[in-house]
Amino acid sequence: MERFYGAREIMEKRDDVTLHVMEFEEQGGFVDALKALKAKGIHPTAFFCAHDGLRSP
């Protein structure tokens, strides 16, 4: 959560940046979440990951 709060704090100081939260299932959910944003007319230029999805083999 600290990553999210830090990123949001910086973005709130900028008038030309908008934060859109994407939540999706780890297995294959990103594409559908991105398509949903684009369908709303939102075309991200950067992504900030609050969860790296790293795990031990």
C-alpha atoms as a PDB file:
ATOM      1  CA  MET A   1       0.000   0.000   0.000  1.00  0.00           C
ATOM      2  CA  GLU A   2       2.926   2.341   0.622  1.00  0.00           C
ATOM      3  CA  ARG A   3       3.873   2.165  -3.077  1.00  0.00           C
ATOM      4  CA  PHE A   4       0.340   3.136  -4.066  1.00  0.00           C
ATOM      5  CA  TYR A   5       0.181   5.993  -1.577  1.00  0.00           C
ATOM      6  CA  GLY A   6       3.572   7.298  -2.680  1.00  0.00           C
ATOM      7  CA  ALA A   7       2.628   7.240  -6.350  1.00  0.00           C
ATOM      8  CA  ARG A   8      -0.746   8.847  -5.638  1.00  0.00           C
ATOM      9  CA  GLU A   9       0.889  11.587  -3.575  1.00  0.00           C
ATOM     10  CA  ILE A  10       3.167  12.552  -6.474  1.00  0.00           C
ATOM     11  CA  MET A  11       0.388  12.332  -9.063  1.00  0.00           C
ATOM     12  CA  GLU A  12      -1.941  14.540  -7.025  1.00  0.00           C
ATOM     13  CA  LYS A  13       0.612  17.341  -7.379  1.00  0.00           C
ATOM     14  CA  ARG A  14       0.423  17.167 -11.185  1.00  0.00           C
ATOM     15  CA  ASP A  15      -2.444  18.554 -13.230  1.00  0.00           C
ATOM     16  CA  ASP A  16      -1.484  16.535 -16.309  1.00  0.00           C
ATOM     17  CA  VAL A  17      -1.545  13.090 -14.653  1.00  0.00           C
ATOM     18  CA  THR A  18      -4.570  10.921 -13.871  1.00  0.00           C
ATOM     19  CA  LEU A  19      -4.471   7.778 -11.786  1.00  0.00           C
ATOM     20  CA  HIS A  20      -6.715   4.884 -12.842  1.00  0.00           C
ATOM     21  CA  VAL A  21      -6.679   1.812 -10.632  1.00  0.00           C
ATOM     22  CA  MET A  22      -6.717  -1.514 -12.481  1.00  0.00           C
ATOM     23  CA  GLU A  23      -7.530  -4.652 -10.538  1.00  0.00           C
ATOM     24  CA  PHE A  24      -7.453  -8.025 -12.259  1.00  0.00           C
ATOM     25  CA  GLU A  25      -6.811 -11.701 -11.762  1.00  0.00           C
ATOM     26  CA  GLU A  26      -3.157 -12.671 -12.008  1.00  0.00           C
ATOM     27  CA  GLN A  27      -3.777 -15.344 -14.639  1.00  0.00           C
ATOM     28  CA  GLY A  28      -4.712 -13.574 -17.851  1.00  0.00           C
ATOM     29  CA  GLY A  29      -6.755 -10.733 -16.375  1.00  0.00           C
ATOM     30  CA  PHE A  30      -4.517  -7.855 -17.459  1.00  0.00           C
ATOM     31  CA  VAL A  31      -5.565  -7.881 -21.112  1.00  0.00           C
ATOM     32  CA  ASP A  32      -9.270  -7.675 -20.270  1.00  0.00           C
ATOM     33  CA  ALA A  33      -8.645  -4.889 -17.732  1.00  0.00           C
ATOM     34  CA  LEU A  34      -6.620  -2.910 -20.286  1.00  0.00           C
ATOM     35  CA  LYS A  35      -9.296  -3.395 -22.962  1.00  0.00           C
ATOM     36  CA  ALA A  36     -11.922  -2.114 -20.494  1.00  0.00           C
ATOM     37  CA  LEU A  37      -9.887   1.055 -19.898  1.00  0.00           C
ATOM     38  CA  LYS A  38      -9.416   1.615 -23.620  1.00  0.00           C
ATOM     39  CA  ALA A  39     -13.158   1.115 -24.183  1.00  0.00           C
ATOM     40  CA  LYS A  40     -13.691   4.055 -21.798  1.00  0.00           C
ATOM     41  CA  GLY A  41     -11.341   6.183 -23.910  1.00  0.00           C
ATOM     42  CA  ILE A  42      -8.438   5.853 -21.466  1.00  0.00           C
ATOM     43  CA  HIS A  43      -5.106   5.101 -23.147  1.00  0.00           C
ATOM     44  CA  PRO A  44      -2.412   4.618 -20.480  1.00  0.00           C
ATOM     45  CA  THR A  45       1.105   5.844 -21.171  1.00  0.00           C
ATOM     46  CA  ALA A  46       2.600   4.211 -18.067  1.00  0.00           C
ATOM     47  CA  PHE A  47       1.798   1.524 -15.517  1.00  0.00           C
ATOM     48  CA  PHE A  48       2.656   1.428 -11.834  1.00  0.00           C
ATOM     49  CA  CYS A  49       2.514  -2.013 -10.241  1.00  0.00           C
ATOM     50  CA  ALA A  50       1.487  -2.263  -6.615  1.00  0.00           C
ATOM     51  CA  HIS A  51       2.088  -6.030  -6.670  1.00  0.00           C
ATOM     52  CA  ASP A  52       4.987  -7.600  -8.501  1.00  0.00           C
ATOM     53  CA  GLY A  53       3.474 -11.055  -8.720  1.00  0.00           C
ATOM     54  CA  LEU A  54       6.762 -12.619  -7.665  1.00  0.00           C
ATOM     55  CA  ARG A  55       6.665 -15.975  -5.969  1.00  0.00           C
ATOM     56  CA  SER A  56       9.013 -18.817  -5.234  1.00  0.00           C
ATOM     57  CA  PRO A  57       9.161 -21.746  -7.671  1.00  0.00           C
END
